[in-house]
Amino acid sequence: MAARTKYRKRALDILFESESRGLAADGTLADRLEVNDPPVNPYTVGLVEGVAAHAAQIDALLEEHSHAWSLDRMPAVDRNLLRIGVYEILWAEDVPDPVAISEAVELARELSTDESPKFINGLLSKVAEVKPQALRAAEQASAEEPVADGAAGSDAAGDREDG
């Protein structure tokens, strides 16, 4: 298993555990980092934190394109693999969209139902197809969210880190 595949699997484990406990997506991350057995790689942390930061947008996008399958009806493994896949497609600039899709499909083949790989492939392919619109909608939603002091979120280029 390739290194990033292992890191994605570990992120899936953390997201699955958090969800099964009724916590936020990153609800068990601090515990996993403290125990660090098995080790939690920085890429895993980035995936979990990224999914948590964009959870509402990711879930809305999945609901919109899953055609007759609510998130609640999906197996928990599939739901969390899809969240990782959507995060990588939309926000992980170092991961080509076909790689994000392929990795999610392979993990589904290993860990979920017989129907899951095809379902995940189709849904993530649709997300990749609508990526420009999805990113615009996510940026707009972020700009409209209130921040701690009650002001609207900033979209100024100086507020973003490029490194």
Protein backbone atom coordinates (compact mmCIF):
# COMPACT_ATOMS: atom_id res chain seq x y z
CA MET A 1 0.00 0.00 0.00
CA ALA A 2 1.43 3.39 -1.02
CA ALA A 3 2.21 5.92 1.72
CA ARG A 4 -0.58 8.36 0.88
CA THR A 5 -3.04 5.48 0.64
CA LYS A 6 -2.13 4.56 4.22
CA TYR A 7 -2.57 8.18 5.29
CA ARG A 8 -6.00 8.32 3.64
CA LYS A 9 -6.96 5.06 5.36
CA ARG A 10 -5.88 6.52 8.70
CA ALA A 11 -7.91 9.68 8.01
CA LEU A 12 -10.89 7.44 7.21
CA ASP A 13 -10.42 5.63 10.53
CA ILE A 14 -10.41 8.93 12.43
CA LEU A 15 -13.42 10.36 10.57
CA PHE A 16 -15.33 7.10 11.02
CA GLU A 17 -14.53 6.99 14.74
CA SER A 18 -15.54 10.61 15.23
CA GLU A 19 -18.82 10.08 13.41
CA SER A 20 -19.62 6.88 15.28
CA ARG A 21 -19.16 8.78 18.56
CA GLY A 22 -21.42 11.60 17.37
CA LEU A 23 -18.56 14.11 17.31
CA ALA A 24 -17.42 16.65 14.74
CA ALA A 25 -15.31 15.25 11.90
CA ASP A 26 -12.10 16.04 13.77
CA GLY A 27 -13.55 15.14 17.18
CA THR A 28 -11.15 12.28 17.88
CA LEU A 29 -8.10 13.71 16.12
CA ALA A 30 -6.48 15.13 19.27
CA ASP A 31 -6.81 11.76 21.02
CA ARG A 32 -5.31 9.92 18.05
CA LEU A 33 -2.42 12.39 17.92
CA GLU A 34 -1.77 11.95 21.63
CA VAL A 35 -1.80 8.14 21.48
CA ASN A 36 -0.09 8.13 18.05
CA ASP A 37 -0.50 4.35 17.67
CA PRO A 38 -0.69 3.79 14.84
CA PRO A 39 1.16 7.00 13.99
CA VAL A 40 -0.79 9.93 12.56
CA ASN A 41 1.05 11.48 9.63
CA PRO A 42 0.75 15.22 8.85
CA TYR A 43 -1.06 14.35 5.59
CA THR A 44 -3.68 12.48 7.63
CA VAL A 45 -4.06 15.48 9.93
CA GLY A 46 -4.50 17.75 6.91
CA LEU A 47 -7.22 15.51 5.47
CA VAL A 48 -9.15 15.29 8.74
CA GLU A 49 -8.84 19.01 9.45
CA GLY A 50 -9.74 19.85 5.84
CA VAL A 51 -12.86 17.68 5.91
CA ALA A 52 -13.84 19.22 9.25
CA ALA A 53 -13.27 22.78 8.02
CA HIS A 54 -15.39 22.24 4.90
CA ALA A 55 -17.86 19.69 6.30
CA ALA A 56 -21.04 21.63 5.55
CA GLN A 57 -19.98 22.44 1.99
CA ILE A 58 -18.79 18.87 1.34
CA ASP A 59 -21.99 17.31 2.68
CA ALA A 60 -24.18 19.75 0.73
CA LEU A 61 -22.33 18.91 -2.47
CA LEU A 62 -22.66 15.18 -1.84
CA GLU A 63 -26.38 15.52 -1.10
CA GLU A 64 -26.90 17.58 -4.26
CA HIS A 65 -25.24 15.04 -6.57
CA SER A 66 -26.00 11.69 -4.93
CA HIS A 67 -29.39 11.29 -6.65
CA ALA A 68 -31.85 9.58 -4.31
CA TRP A 69 -29.22 8.69 -1.71
CA SER A 70 -29.17 10.87 1.36
CA LEU A 71 -25.96 10.89 3.36
CA ASP A 72 -27.76 9.02 6.13
CA ARG A 73 -28.56 6.13 3.78
CA MET A 74 -24.95 5.67 2.70
CA PRO A 75 -22.70 3.25 4.57
CA ALA A 76 -20.55 5.23 7.01
CA VAL A 77 -17.36 4.08 5.29
CA ASP A 78 -18.62 5.34 1.92
CA ARG A 79 -19.81 8.62 3.39
CA ASN A 80 -16.41 9.34 4.91
CA LEU A 81 -14.46 8.17 1.85
CA LEU A 82 -16.59 10.54 -0.21
CA ARG A 83 -15.84 13.38 2.19
CA ILE A 84 -12.10 12.75 1.86
CA GLY A 85 -12.42 12.50 -1.92
CA VAL A 86 -14.39 15.73 -2.22
CA TYR A 87 -11.92 17.53 0.03
CA GLU A 88 -9.00 16.35 -2.11
CA ILE A 89 -10.74 17.22 -5.38
CA LEU A 90 -11.70 20.72 -4.31
CA TRP A 91 -8.98 21.83 -1.91
CA ALA A 92 -5.88 19.59 -2.16
CA GLU A 93 -4.07 21.26 -5.03
CA ASP A 94 -1.23 18.71 -5.00
CA VAL A 95 -3.59 15.80 -5.69
CA PRO A 96 -4.86 15.38 -9.27
CA ASP A 97 -8.61 14.77 -9.38
CA PRO A 98 -8.26 11.30 -11.01
CA VAL A 99 -5.89 10.25 -8.20
CA ALA A 100 -8.33 11.39 -5.50
CA ILE A 101 -11.12 9.44 -7.21
CA SER A 102 -9.01 6.33 -7.79
CA GLU A 103 -7.77 6.26 -4.18
CA ALA A 104 -11.31 6.55 -2.81
CA VAL A 105 -12.52 3.79 -5.15
CA GLU A 106 -9.66 1.47 -4.14
CA LEU A 107 -10.31 1.99 -0.43
CA ALA A 108 -14.02 1.35 -1.02
CA ARG A 109 -13.14 -1.86 -2.87
CA GLU A 110 -11.08 -2.97 0.14
CA LEU A 111 -13.32 -1.75 2.97
CA SER A 112 -16.94 -1.45 1.85
CA THR A 113 -19.72 -3.13 -0.10
CA ASP A 114 -19.54 -4.58 -3.60
CA GLU A 115 -21.59 -1.66 -4.96
CA SER A 116 -19.55 1.04 -3.21
CA PRO A 117 -16.65 1.43 -5.68
CA LYS A 118 -18.98 2.16 -8.60
CA PHE A 119 -21.11 4.54 -6.53
CA ILE A 120 -18.07 6.42 -5.20
CA ASN A 121 -16.49 6.61 -8.63
CA GLY A 122 -19.65 8.07 -10.16
CA LEU A 123 -20.28 10.59 -7.40
CA LEU A 124 -16.69 11.83 -7.16
CA SER A 125 -16.46 12.03 -10.96
CA LYS A 126 -19.52 14.28 -10.91
CA VAL A 127 -17.93 16.46 -8.21
CA ALA A 128 -14.77 16.75 -10.33
CA GLU A 129 -16.95 17.73 -13.31
CA VAL A 130 -18.62 20.57 -11.37
CA LYS A 131 -15.43 21.58 -9.52
CA PRO A 132 -15.28 25.20 -10.78
CA GLN A 133 -18.88 25.88 -9.75
CA ALA A 134 -18.45 24.04 -6.45
CA LEU A 135 -15.38 26.08 -5.55
CA ARG A 136 -17.16 29.34 -6.40
CA ALA A 137 -20.12 28.31 -4.22
CA ALA A 138 -17.79 27.31 -1.37
CA GLU A 139 -15.93 30.64 -1.57
CA GLN A 140 -19.21 32.52 -1.57
CA ALA A 141 -20.48 30.54 1.43
CA SER A 142 -17.23 31.19 3.31
CA ALA A 143 -17.45 34.90 2.59
CA GLU A 144 -20.98 34.98 4.01
CA GLU A 145 -20.15 33.11 7.24
CA PRO A 146 -19.73 35.32 10.30
CA VAL A 147 -16.36 35.26 12.00
CA ALA A 148 -15.68 35.44 15.75
CA ASP A 149 -16.09 39.24 15.96
CA GLY A 150 -19.36 39.10 14.00
CA ALA A 151 -17.93 40.59 10.81
CA ALA A 152 -18.30 38.84 7.47
CA GLY A 153 -15.43 36.59 6.38
CA SER A 154 -12.70 38.20 4.31
CA ASP A 155 -11.78 37.08 0.85
CA ALA A 156 -8.84 39.42 0.43
CA ALA A 157 -5.81 37.80 -1.17
CA GLY A 158 -3.63 38.97 1.69
CA ASP A 159 -5.58 36.75 4.11
CA ARG A 160 -4.60 33.53 2.33
CA GLU A 161 -1.39 31.60 2.75
CA ASP A 162 0.11 30.19 -0.41
CA GLY A 163 2.79 28.04 1.19
